[in-house]
Amino acid sequence: MATFGIVVGGGPAPGINGVISAATIAARRSGARVIGCIQGFQWLMEGDIDHVMDLDEVAVGRIHELGGSLLRTSRANPTKDPANLDRVVDSLDRLGIDHLISIGGDDTCFSARTVAEAAGDRLKVVHVPKTIDNDLPLPPGVPTFGFETARATASGILSTLQEDARTSTRWFIVTMMGRNAGHLALGAAHSAGATLAVVAEEYGGRKIRLEELVRRVEGTVLKSTAEGRPYGVIVLAEGLGESIDEADLSHLPDLPRDEHGHLRLAEFPLGRLVRSGLQDALAEHGIGATIVILSLIHI
């Protein structure tokens, strides 16, 4: 009898439970056993095979109506240490798992592929692309699941901020998800009619000085103010944090990185840096605007 394992990696996204449910029901109806691995590769990397749960149609029958992930999730990366990778393969062997379904973004996809290569013919792996960043190479016009829901939710928040900005005559600088792709920030900003959206892709992968980004925002604020709208919402994709020249960040302490080596952009003060520079730039024009920083980033 075939045994399927399911792991979830990366950040939360709408639809994860729907995938777990559909995969479990299809596998069980074909006569296979299904094992859910709690918190992605985390426990498997430790050789721990107790943090699992048997899944059947009763267990997953209604979970598609719930948010989050029945199996929870983690960013545990088994590819950084060969010993961790070996323990994952050994754990899967001891669980009898010969088919693995991974649900996640590009990092989880890479981890699953590496596990498959290490296991050889003993393990068949399929990856389900999940990311609200919409940064995986799917066919044209097909977004990764979770993106449209996240875009709609973020758009609603930005629309509310637009009205708050008008009512209070303030500027909101909102940092939004989007490390390698600004699709979410751009899509939500466009839907909400935000005053400006800036994504890292606009700079073609080159490093930029903080002043360049500040001047970009400054120009928008000055133009809007001159047109009688001294308020608005500025959306910045978080990936801009990795685009800023290191020379402008020398005063910052060492910032933590996640298990995949990425800078934790949720802890990067992008909004604060831009606000500080913007306030100085506007003061040169005699404008004393109220600028509020917000973040729509999950870790």
C-alpha atoms as a PDB file:
ATOM      1  CA  MET A   1       0.000   0.000   0.000  1.00  0.00           C
ATOM      2  CA  ALA A   2       1.335   3.437  -0.912  1.00  0.00           C
ATOM      3  CA  THR A   3       1.842   5.958   1.864  1.00  0.00           C
ATOM      4  CA  PHE A   4       1.585   9.668   1.177  1.00  0.00           C
ATOM      5  CA  GLY A   5       3.197  12.315   3.360  1.00  0.00           C
ATOM      6  CA  ILE A   6       2.121  15.965   3.319  1.00  0.00           C
ATOM      7  CA  VAL A   7       4.334  18.853   4.465  1.00  0.00           C
ATOM      8  CA  VAL A   8       3.572  22.580   4.519  1.00  0.00           C
ATOM      9  CA  GLY A   9       6.352  25.157   4.429  1.00  0.00           C
ATOM     10  CA  GLY A  10       6.736  28.918   4.348  1.00  0.00           C
ATOM     11  CA  GLY A  11       4.194  31.546   5.346  1.00  0.00           C
ATOM     12  CA  PRO A  12       0.454  31.071   5.715  1.00  0.00           C
ATOM     13  CA  ALA A  13      -1.776  31.552   2.679  1.00  0.00           C
ATOM     14  CA  PRO A  14      -5.489  31.043   1.988  1.00  0.00           C
ATOM     15  CA  GLY A  15      -6.237  27.625   0.508  1.00  0.00           C
ATOM     16  CA  ILE A  16      -3.690  25.421   2.270  1.00  0.00           C
ATOM     17  CA  ASN A  17      -6.347  23.359   4.027  1.00  0.00           C
ATOM     18  CA  GLY A  18      -8.187  22.922   0.741  1.00  0.00           C
ATOM     19  CA  VAL A  19      -5.097  21.297  -0.762  1.00  0.00           C
ATOM     20  CA  ILE A  20      -4.556  19.076   2.280  1.00  0.00           C
ATOM     21  CA  SER A  21      -8.182  17.989   2.125  1.00  0.00           C
ATOM     22  CA  ALA A  22      -8.273  17.307  -1.618  1.00  0.00           C
ATOM     23  CA  ALA A  23      -4.968  15.418  -1.607  1.00  0.00           C
ATOM     24  CA  THR A  24      -5.990  13.315   1.383  1.00  0.00           C
ATOM     25  CA  ILE A  25      -9.389  12.370  -0.029  1.00  0.00           C
ATOM     26  CA  ALA A  26      -7.934  11.466  -3.450  1.00  0.00           C
ATOM     27  CA  ALA A  27      -5.161   9.347  -1.912  1.00  0.00           C
ATOM     28  CA  ARG A  28      -7.440   7.578   0.566  1.00  0.00           C
ATOM     29  CA  ARG A  29      -9.956   6.716  -2.130  1.00  0.00           C
ATOM     30  CA  SER A  30      -7.155   5.093  -4.106  1.00  0.00           C
ATOM     31  CA  GLY A  31      -6.383   2.895  -1.117  1.00  0.00           C
ATOM     32  CA  ALA A  32      -3.325   4.772   0.139  1.00  0.00           C
ATOM     33  CA  ARG A  33      -2.436   5.843   3.671  1.00  0.00           C
ATOM     34  CA  VAL A  34      -1.889   9.569   4.307  1.00  0.00           C
ATOM     35  CA  ILE A  35       0.379  11.018   6.989  1.00  0.00           C
ATOM     36  CA  GLY A  36       0.456  14.715   7.778  1.00  0.00           C
ATOM     37  CA  CYS A  37       3.832  15.995   8.981  1.00  0.00           C
ATOM     38  CA  ILE A  38       3.427  18.738  11.587  1.00  0.00           C
ATOM     39  CA  GLN A  39       5.357  21.996  11.015  1.00  0.00           C
ATOM     40  CA  GLY A  40       6.880  21.171   7.665  1.00  0.00           C
ATOM     41  CA  PHE A  41      10.355  19.647   7.746  1.00  0.00           C
ATOM     42  CA  GLN A  42      11.097  20.880  11.266  1.00  0.00           C
ATOM     43  CA  TRP A  43      10.603  17.662  13.245  1.00  0.00           C
ATOM     44  CA  LEU A  44      11.715  15.401  10.406  1.00  0.00           C
ATOM     45  CA  MET A  45      15.064  17.239  10.423  1.00  0.00           C
ATOM     46  CA  GLU A  46      15.479  16.173  14.049  1.00  0.00           C
ATOM     47  CA  GLY A  47      14.711  12.555  13.284  1.00  0.00           C
ATOM     48  CA  ASP A  48      11.426  12.921  15.195  1.00  0.00           C
ATOM     49  CA  ILE A  49       8.597  10.895  13.655  1.00  0.00           C
ATOM     50  CA  ASP A  50       6.119  11.425  16.498  1.00  0.00           C
ATOM     51  CA  HIS A  51       4.940  14.846  15.313  1.00  0.00           C
ATOM     52  CA  VAL A  52       2.684  13.449  12.605  1.00  0.00           C
ATOM     53  CA  MET A  53      -0.987  12.661  12.223  1.00  0.00           C
ATOM     54  CA  ASP A  54      -2.882  10.085  10.204  1.00  0.00           C
ATOM     55  CA  LEU A  55      -5.288  11.793   7.841  1.00  0.00           C
ATOM     56  CA  ASP A  56      -8.553  10.409   6.511  1.00  0.00           C
ATOM     57  CA  GLU A  57     -11.751  11.795   5.031  1.00  0.00           C
ATOM     58  CA  VAL A  58     -13.262  12.395   8.458  1.00  0.00           C
ATOM     59  CA  ALA A  59     -10.239  14.421   9.629  1.00  0.00           C
ATOM     60  CA  VAL A  60     -10.132  16.662   6.556  1.00  0.00           C
ATOM     61  CA  GLY A  61     -13.765  16.708   5.456  1.00  0.00           C
ATOM     62  CA  ARG A  62     -14.530  20.310   6.464  1.00  0.00           C
ATOM     63  CA  ILE A  63     -11.092  21.881   6.933  1.00  0.00           C
ATOM     64  CA  HIS A  64     -11.311  23.693   3.600  1.00  0.00           C
ATOM     65  CA  GLU A  65     -13.727  26.075   5.328  1.00  0.00           C
ATOM     66  CA  LEU A  66     -11.066  27.039   7.869  1.00  0.00           C
ATOM     67  CA  GLY A  67      -8.127  29.386   7.538  1.00  0.00           C
ATOM     68  CA  GLY A  68      -4.533  28.572   8.354  1.00  0.00           C
ATOM     69  CA  SER A  69      -3.072  25.079   8.062  1.00  0.00           C
ATOM     70  CA  LEU A  70      -4.205  21.906   9.805  1.00  0.00           C
ATOM     71  CA  LEU A  71      -0.570  20.776   9.733  1.00  0.00           C
ATOM     72  CA  ARG A  72       0.734  24.204  10.718  1.00  0.00           C
ATOM     73  CA  THR A  73       3.881  25.348   8.902  1.00  0.00           C
ATOM     74  CA  SER A  74       7.519  26.322   9.377  1.00  0.00           C
ATOM     75  CA  ARG A  75      10.452  27.694   7.418  1.00  0.00           C
ATOM     76  CA  ALA A  76      12.740  24.841   8.466  1.00  0.00           C
ATOM     77  CA  ASN A  77      15.323  24.260   5.722  1.00  0.00           C
ATOM     78  CA  PRO A  78      16.788  20.728   5.470  1.00  0.00           C
ATOM     79  CA  THR A  79      19.155  21.687   2.623  1.00  0.00           C
ATOM     80  CA  LYS A  80      21.609  23.760   4.686  1.00  0.00           C
ATOM     81  CA  ASP A  81      23.077  20.813   6.612  1.00  0.00           C
ATOM     82  CA  PRO A  82      23.670  17.377   5.014  1.00  0.00           C
ATOM     83  CA  ALA A  83      22.995  15.762   8.392  1.00  0.00           C
ATOM     84  CA  ASN A  84      19.540  17.361   8.538  1.00  0.00           C
ATOM     85  CA  LEU A  85      18.828  16.230   5.003  1.00  0.00           C
ATOM     86  CA  ASP A  86      19.831  12.659   5.873  1.00  0.00           C
ATOM     87  CA  ARG A  87      17.570  12.710   8.928  1.00  0.00           C
ATOM     88  CA  VAL A  88      14.623  13.884   6.820  1.00  0.00           C
ATOM     89  CA  VAL A  89      15.106  11.035   4.352  1.00  0.00           C
ATOM     90  CA  ASP A  90      15.549   8.523   7.177  1.00  0.00           C
ATOM     91  CA  SER A  91      12.437   9.827   8.967  1.00  0.00           C
ATOM     92  CA  LEU A  92      10.355   9.481   5.820  1.00  0.00           C
ATOM     93  CA  ASP A  93      11.687   5.940   5.369  1.00  0.00           C
ATOM     94  CA  ARG A  94      10.766   5.006   8.940  1.00  0.00           C
ATOM     95  CA  LEU A  95       7.287   6.423   8.444  1.00  0.00           C
ATOM     96  CA  GLY A  96       6.945   4.336   5.307  1.00  0.00           C
ATOM     97  CA  ILE A  97       6.295   7.418   3.182  1.00  0.00           C
ATOM     98  CA  ASP A  98       7.021   6.744  -0.475  1.00  0.00           C
ATOM     99  CA  HIS A  99       5.045   9.676  -1.924  1.00  0.00           C
ATOM    100  CA  LEU A 100       5.581  13.204  -0.605  1.00  0.00           C
ATOM    101  CA  ILE A 101       3.358  16.223  -1.284  1.00  0.00           C
ATOM    102  CA  SER A 102       4.972  19.547  -0.394  1.00  0.00           C
ATOM    103  CA  ILE A 103       2.910  22.727  -0.185  1.00  0.00           C
ATOM    104  CA  GLY A 104       4.812  26.002  -0.239  1.00  0.00           C
ATOM    105  CA  GLY A 105       6.697  28.643  -2.159  1.00  0.00           C
ATOM    106  CA  ASP A 106      10.043  28.597  -3.926  1.00  0.00           C
ATOM    107  CA  ASP A 107      12.088  27.766  -0.801  1.00  0.00           C
ATOM    108  CA  THR A 108       9.863  24.809   0.092  1.00  0.00           C
ATOM    109  CA  CYS A 109       9.936  23.687  -3.523  1.00  0.00           C
ATOM    110  CA  PHE A 110      13.746  23.685  -3.491  1.00  0.00           C
ATOM    111  CA  SER A 111      13.806  21.776  -0.202  1.00  0.00           C
ATOM    112  CA  ALA A 112      11.375  19.153  -1.522  1.00  0.00           C
ATOM    113  CA  ARG A 113      13.398  18.710  -4.708  1.00  0.00           C
ATOM    114  CA  THR A 114      16.595  18.272  -2.682  1.00  0.00           C
ATOM    115  CA  VAL A 115      14.913  15.674  -0.469  1.00  0.00           C
ATOM    116  CA  ALA A 116      13.719  13.838  -3.587  1.00  0.00           C
ATOM    117  CA  GLU A 117      17.234  13.787  -5.033  1.00  0.00           C
ATOM    118  CA  ALA A 118      18.671  12.518  -1.743  1.00  0.00           C
ATOM    119  CA  ALA A 119      16.053   9.760  -1.435  1.00  0.00           C
ATOM    120  CA  GLY A 120      16.417   8.585  -5.028  1.00  0.00           C
ATOM    121  CA  ASP A 121      13.948   6.026  -6.312  1.00  0.00           C
ATOM    122  CA  ARG A 122      12.540   5.420  -2.826  1.00  0.00           C
ATOM    123  CA  LEU A 123      10.500   8.615  -2.872  1.00  0.00           C
ATOM    124  CA  LYS A 124       8.243  10.343  -5.392  1.00  0.00           C
ATOM    125  CA  VAL A 125       7.681  14.050  -4.724  1.00  0.00           C
ATOM    126  CA  VAL A 126       5.151  16.545  -6.076  1.00  0.00           C
ATOM    127  CA  HIS A 127       5.056  20.225  -5.145  1.00  0.00           C
ATOM    128  CA  VAL A 128       1.922  22.386  -4.876  1.00  0.00           C
ATOM    129  CA  PRO A 129       2.863  26.068  -5.468  1.00  0.00           C
ATOM    130  CA  LYS A 130       1.582  28.196  -2.604  1.00  0.00           C
ATOM    131  CA  THR A 131       2.612  31.802  -2.136  1.00  0.00           C
ATOM    132  CA  ILE A 132       0.737  35.083  -1.840  1.00  0.00           C
ATOM    133  CA  ASP A 133       3.729  36.687  -3.595  1.00  0.00           C
ATOM    134  CA  ASN A 134       2.697  35.016  -6.878  1.00  0.00           C
ATOM    135  CA  ASP A 135       6.384  34.582  -7.741  1.00  0.00           C
ATOM    136  CA  LEU A 136       6.476  30.999  -9.022  1.00  0.00           C
ATOM    137  CA  PRO A 137       6.667  30.239 -12.777  1.00  0.00           C
ATOM    138  CA  LEU A 138       3.158  29.003 -13.510  1.00  0.00           C
ATOM    139  CA  PRO A 139       1.432  29.254 -16.912  1.00  0.00           C
ATOM    140  CA  PRO A 140       0.525  32.810 -17.958  1.00  0.00           C
ATOM    141  CA  GLY A 141      -2.587  34.129 -16.251  1.00  0.00           C
ATOM    142  CA  VAL A 142      -2.552  31.436 -13.540  1.00  0.00           C
ATOM    143  CA  PRO A 143      -1.749  32.939 -10.108  1.00  0.00           C
ATOM    144  CA  THR A 144      -0.423  30.882  -7.224  1.00  0.00           C
ATOM    145  CA  PHE A 145      -3.222  30.022  -4.835  1.00  0.00           C
ATOM    146  CA  GLY A 146      -3.559  32.503  -2.004  1.00  0.00           C
ATOM    147  CA  PHE A 147      -2.547  35.494  -4.131  1.00  0.00           C
ATOM    148  CA  GLU A 148      -5.999  36.717  -5.171  1.00  0.00           C
ATOM    149  CA  THR A 149      -7.403  36.443  -1.649  1.00  0.00           C
ATOM    150  CA  ALA A 150      -4.394  38.272  -0.202  1.00  0.00           C
ATOM    151  CA  ARG A 151      -4.617  40.958  -2.897  1.00  0.00           C
ATOM    152  CA  ALA A 152      -8.319  41.521  -2.241  1.00  0.00           C
ATOM    153  CA  THR A 153      -7.802  41.681   1.522  1.00  0.00           C
ATOM    154  CA  ALA A 154      -4.871  44.088   1.209  1.00  0.00           C
ATOM    155  CA  SER A 155      -6.823  46.198  -1.270  1.00  0.00           C
ATOM    156  CA  GLY A 156      -9.640  46.587   1.260  1.00  0.00           C
ATOM    157  CA  ILE A 157      -7.186  47.766   3.903  1.00  0.00           C
ATOM    158  CA  LEU A 158      -5.545  50.245   1.516  1.00  0.00           C
ATOM    159  CA  SER A 159      -8.942  51.598   0.456  1.00  0.00           C
ATOM    160  CA  THR A 160      -9.779  52.275   4.099  1.00  0.00           C
ATOM    161  CA  LEU A 161      -6.423  53.990   4.577  1.00  0.00           C
ATOM    162  CA  GLN A 162      -7.096  56.139   1.531  1.00  0.00           C
ATOM    163  CA  GLU A 163     -10.234  57.483   3.181  1.00  0.00           C
ATOM    164  CA  ASP A 164      -8.436  57.892   6.512  1.00  0.00           C
ATOM    165  CA  ALA A 165      -5.672  59.825   4.735  1.00  0.00           C
ATOM    166  CA  ARG A 166      -8.202  62.193   3.134  1.00  0.00           C
ATOM    167  CA  THR A 167     -10.111  62.677   6.359  1.00  0.00           C
ATOM    168  CA  SER A 168      -7.063  63.354   8.533  1.00  0.00           C
ATOM    169  CA  THR A 169      -4.865  65.012   5.852  1.00  0.00           C
ATOM    170  CA  ARG A 170      -2.087  62.502   6.424  1.00  0.00           C
ATOM    171  CA  TRP A 171       0.287  60.438   4.372  1.00  0.00           C
ATOM    172  CA  PHE A 172       0.463  56.707   5.007  1.00  0.00           C
ATOM    173  CA  ILE A 173       3.571  54.771   4.006  1.00  0.00           C
ATOM    174  CA  VAL A 174       2.635  51.090   3.828  1.00  0.00           C
ATOM    175  CA  THR A 175       5.240  48.337   3.459  1.00  0.00           C
ATOM    176  CA  MET A 176       3.750  45.233   1.871  1.00  0.00           C
ATOM    177  CA  MET A 177       4.777  41.626   1.197  1.00  0.00           C
ATOM    178  CA  GLY A 178       6.926  41.080  -1.859  1.00  0.00           C
ATOM    179  CA  ARG A 179      10.564  40.005  -1.438  1.00  0.00           C
ATOM    180  CA  ASN A 180      11.295  38.849  -4.971  1.00  0.00           C
ATOM    181  CA  ALA A 181       8.086  39.946  -6.653  1.00  0.00           C
ATOM    182  CA  GLY A 182       6.025  43.086  -6.214  1.00  0.00           C
ATOM    183  CA  HIS A 183       2.830  41.563  -7.614  1.00  0.00           C
ATOM    184  CA  LEU A 184       0.913  41.740  -4.339  1.00  0.00           C
ATOM    185  CA  ALA A 185       1.944  45.306  -3.533  1.00  0.00           C
ATOM    186  CA  LEU A 186       1.282  46.495  -7.074  1.00  0.00           C
ATOM    187  CA  GLY A 187      -2.007  44.609  -7.461  1.00  0.00           C
ATOM    188  CA  ALA A 188      -3.432  45.768  -4.130  1.00  0.00           C
ATOM    189  CA  ALA A 189      -2.300  49.353  -4.684  1.00  0.00           C
ATOM    190  CA  HIS A 190      -3.837  49.427  -8.154  1.00  0.00           C
ATOM    191  CA  SER A 191      -7.133  47.962  -6.929  1.00  0.00           C
ATOM    192  CA  ALA A 192      -7.343  50.484  -4.089  1.00  0.00           C
ATOM    193  CA  GLY A 193      -6.256  53.450  -6.171  1.00  0.00           C
ATOM    194  CA  ALA A 194      -3.252  54.178  -3.947  1.00  0.00           C
ATOM    195  CA  THR A 195      -1.330  57.357  -4.654  1.00  0.00           C
ATOM    196  CA  LEU A 196       1.924  55.536  -5.465  1.00  0.00           C
ATOM    197  CA  ALA A 197       3.300  51.993  -5.486  1.00  0.00           C
ATOM    198  CA  VAL A 198       7.010  51.247  -5.760  1.00  0.00           C
ATOM    199  CA  VAL A 199       8.363  47.717  -6.339  1.00  0.00           C
ATOM    200  CA  ALA A 200      11.942  46.498  -6.551  1.00  0.00           C
ATOM    201  CA  GLU A 201      11.537  45.218 -10.111  1.00  0.00           C
ATOM    202  CA  GLU A 202      11.466  48.807 -11.345  1.00  0.00           C
ATOM    203  CA  TYR A 203      15.187  49.050 -10.636  1.00  0.00           C
ATOM    204  CA  GLY A 204      16.203  45.997 -12.647  1.00  0.00           C
ATOM    205  CA  GLY A 205      18.056  44.273  -9.838  1.00  0.00           C
ATOM    206  CA  ARG A 206      20.505  47.113  -9.285  1.00  0.00           C
ATOM    207  CA  LYS A 207      21.297  48.629  -5.912  1.00  0.00           C
ATOM    208  CA  ILE A 208      19.751  52.030  -5.294  1.00  0.00           C
ATOM    209  CA  ARG A 209      20.600  54.808  -2.905  1.00  0.00           C
ATOM    210  CA  LEU A 210      18.025  55.535  -0.255  1.00  0.00           C
ATOM    211  CA  GLU A 211      17.871  59.123  -1.489  1.00  0.00           C
ATOM    212  CA  GLU A 212      16.702  57.920  -4.900  1.00  0.00           C
ATOM    213  CA  LEU A 213      13.740  56.136  -3.344  1.00  0.00           C
ATOM    214  CA  VAL A 214      12.969  59.088  -1.082  1.00  0.00           C
ATOM    215  CA  ARG A 215      13.031  61.512  -4.023  1.00  0.00           C
ATOM    216  CA  ARG A 216      10.621  59.249  -5.884  1.00  0.00           C
ATOM    217  CA  VAL A 217       8.143  59.445  -3.022  1.00  0.00           C
ATOM    218  CA  GLU A 218       8.824  63.145  -2.523  1.00  0.00           C
ATOM    219  CA  GLY A 219       7.902  63.922  -6.123  1.00  0.00           C
ATOM    220  CA  THR A 220       4.557  62.167  -5.726  1.00  0.00           C
ATOM    221  CA  VAL A 221       3.785  64.000  -2.480  1.00  0.00           C
ATOM    222  CA  LEU A 222       4.683  67.388  -3.969  1.00  0.00           C
ATOM    223  CA  LYS A 223       2.609  66.797  -7.095  1.00  0.00           C
ATOM    224  CA  SER A 224      -0.418  65.586  -5.163  1.00  0.00           C
ATOM    225  CA  THR A 225      -0.155  68.518  -2.751  1.00  0.00           C
ATOM    226  CA  ALA A 226       0.107  71.001  -5.617  1.00  0.00           C
ATOM    227  CA  GLU A 227      -3.069  69.506  -7.100  1.00  0.00           C
ATOM    228  CA  GLY A 228      -4.952  70.109  -3.863  1.00  0.00           C
ATOM    229  CA  ARG A 229      -4.574  66.627  -2.324  1.00  0.00           C
ATOM    230  CA  PRO A 230      -2.067  66.943   0.551  1.00  0.00           C
ATOM    231  CA  TYR A 231      -2.692  63.362   1.611  1.00  0.00           C
ATOM    232  CA  GLY A 232      -2.487  59.815   0.252  1.00  0.00           C
ATOM    233  CA  VAL A 233      -1.197  56.268   0.552  1.00  0.00           C
ATOM    234  CA  ILE A 234       2.289  55.214  -0.589  1.00  0.00           C
ATOM    235  CA  VAL A 235       2.836  51.447  -1.008  1.00  0.00           C
ATOM    236  CA  LEU A 236       6.376  50.049  -0.888  1.00  0.00           C
ATOM    237  CA  ALA A 237       7.118  46.393  -1.638  1.00  0.00           C
ATOM    238  CA  GLU A 238       9.311  44.916   1.092  1.00  0.00           C
ATOM    239  CA  GLY A 239      11.851  43.712  -1.478  1.00  0.00           C
ATOM    240  CA  LEU A 240      13.061  47.300  -1.783  1.00  0.00           C
ATOM    241  CA  GLY A 241      14.858  46.680   1.497  1.00  0.00           C
ATOM    242  CA  GLU A 242      17.273  44.332  -0.253  1.00  0.00           C
ATOM    243  CA  SER A 243      17.759  46.833  -3.093  1.00  0.00           C
ATOM    244  CA  ILE A 244      19.050  49.687  -0.948  1.00  0.00           C
ATOM    245  CA  ASP A 245      22.782  50.293  -1.135  1.00  0.00           C
ATOM    246  CA  GLU A 246      24.653  48.970   1.893  1.00  0.00           C
ATOM    247  CA  ALA A 247      26.314  52.371   2.273  1.00  0.00           C
ATOM    248  CA  ASP A 248      22.960  53.750   3.438  1.00  0.00           C
ATOM    249  CA  LEU A 249      22.508  50.979   6.000  1.00  0.00           C
ATOM    250  CA  SER A 250      25.849  51.128   7.808  1.00  0.00           C
ATOM    251  CA  HIS A 251      24.218  52.719  10.863  1.00  0.00           C
ATOM    252  CA  LEU A 252      21.811  49.817  11.317  1.00  0.00           C
ATOM    253  CA  PRO A 253      22.588  46.860  13.584  1.00  0.00           C
ATOM    254  CA  ASP A 254      22.970  43.397  12.094  1.00  0.00           C
ATOM    255  CA  LEU A 255      19.549  42.270  10.937  1.00  0.00           C
ATOM    256  CA  PRO A 256      18.469  38.641  11.455  1.00  0.00           C
ATOM    257  CA  ARG A 257      18.027  36.201   8.599  1.00  0.00           C
ATOM    258  CA  ASP A 258      15.672  33.247   8.287  1.00  0.00           C
ATOM    259  CA  GLU A 259      16.529  29.574   7.818  1.00  0.00           C
ATOM    260  CA  HIS A 260      16.929  30.099   4.074  1.00  0.00           C
ATOM    261  CA  GLY A 261      19.407  32.944   4.505  1.00  0.00           C
ATOM    262  CA  HIS A 262      16.969  35.710   3.581  1.00  0.00           C
ATOM    263  CA  LEU A 263      17.004  39.004   5.425  1.00  0.00           C
ATOM    264  CA  ARG A 264      13.956  39.167   7.683  1.00  0.00           C
ATOM    265  CA  LEU A 265      12.358  42.054   5.858  1.00  0.00           C
ATOM    266  CA  ALA A 266       9.561  42.232   8.409  1.00  0.00           C
ATOM    267  CA  GLU A 267      12.229  43.552  10.773  1.00  0.00           C
ATOM    268  CA  PHE A 268      13.826  45.893   8.233  1.00  0.00           C
ATOM    269  CA  PRO A 269      12.876  49.543   8.924  1.00  0.00           C
ATOM    270  CA  LEU A 270      12.080  50.443   5.305  1.00  0.00           C
ATOM    271  CA  GLY A 271       9.141  52.662   6.181  1.00  0.00           C
ATOM    272  CA  ARG A 272      11.045  54.461   8.924  1.00  0.00           C
ATOM    273  CA  LEU A 273      14.030  55.141   6.668  1.00  0.00           C
ATOM    274  CA  VAL A 274      11.839  56.542   3.900  1.00  0.00           C
ATOM    275  CA  ARG A 275       9.781  58.635   6.319  1.00  0.00           C
ATOM    276  CA  SER A 276      12.890  60.171   7.865  1.00  0.00           C
ATOM    277  CA  GLY A 277      14.309  61.137   4.490  1.00  0.00           C
ATOM    278  CA  LEU A 278      10.929  62.345   3.238  1.00  0.00           C
ATOM    279  CA  GLN A 279      10.349  64.609   6.207  1.00  0.00           C
ATOM    280  CA  ASP A 280      13.727  66.258   5.648  1.00  0.00           C
ATOM    281  CA  ALA A 281      13.053  66.649   1.924  1.00  0.00           C
ATOM    282  CA  LEU A 282       9.597  68.173   2.463  1.00  0.00           C
ATOM    283  CA  ALA A 283      10.964  70.556   5.081  1.00  0.00           C
ATOM    284  CA  GLU A 284      13.135  72.056   2.347  1.00  0.00           C
ATOM    285  CA  HIS A 285       9.880  73.038   0.623  1.00  0.00           C
ATOM    286  CA  GLY A 286       8.312  74.327   3.832  1.00  0.00           C
ATOM    287  CA  ILE A 287       5.913  71.407   4.061  1.00  0.00           C
ATOM    288  CA  GLY A 288       5.355  69.783   7.436  1.00  0.00           C
ATOM    289  CA  ALA A 289       3.342  66.712   6.544  1.00  0.00           C
ATOM    290  CA  THR A 290       2.121  64.087   9.022  1.00  0.00           C
ATOM    291  CA  ILE A 291       3.478  60.723   7.876  1.00  0.00           C
ATOM    292  CA  VAL A 292       2.314  57.428   9.382  1.00  0.00           C
ATOM    293  CA  ILE A 293       4.126  54.110   8.863  1.00  0.00           C
ATOM    294  CA  LEU A 294       2.221  50.843   8.564  1.00  0.00           C
ATOM    295  CA  SER A 295       3.216  47.318   7.600  1.00  0.00           C
ATOM    296  CA  LEU A 296       1.265  44.564   5.858  1.00  0.00           C
ATOM    297  CA  ILE A 297       3.912  41.869   6.230  1.00  0.00           C
ATOM    298  CA  HIS A 298       3.649  38.469   7.904  1.00  0.00           C
ATOM    299  CA  ILE A 299       6.749  36.537   8.959  1.00  0.00           C
END
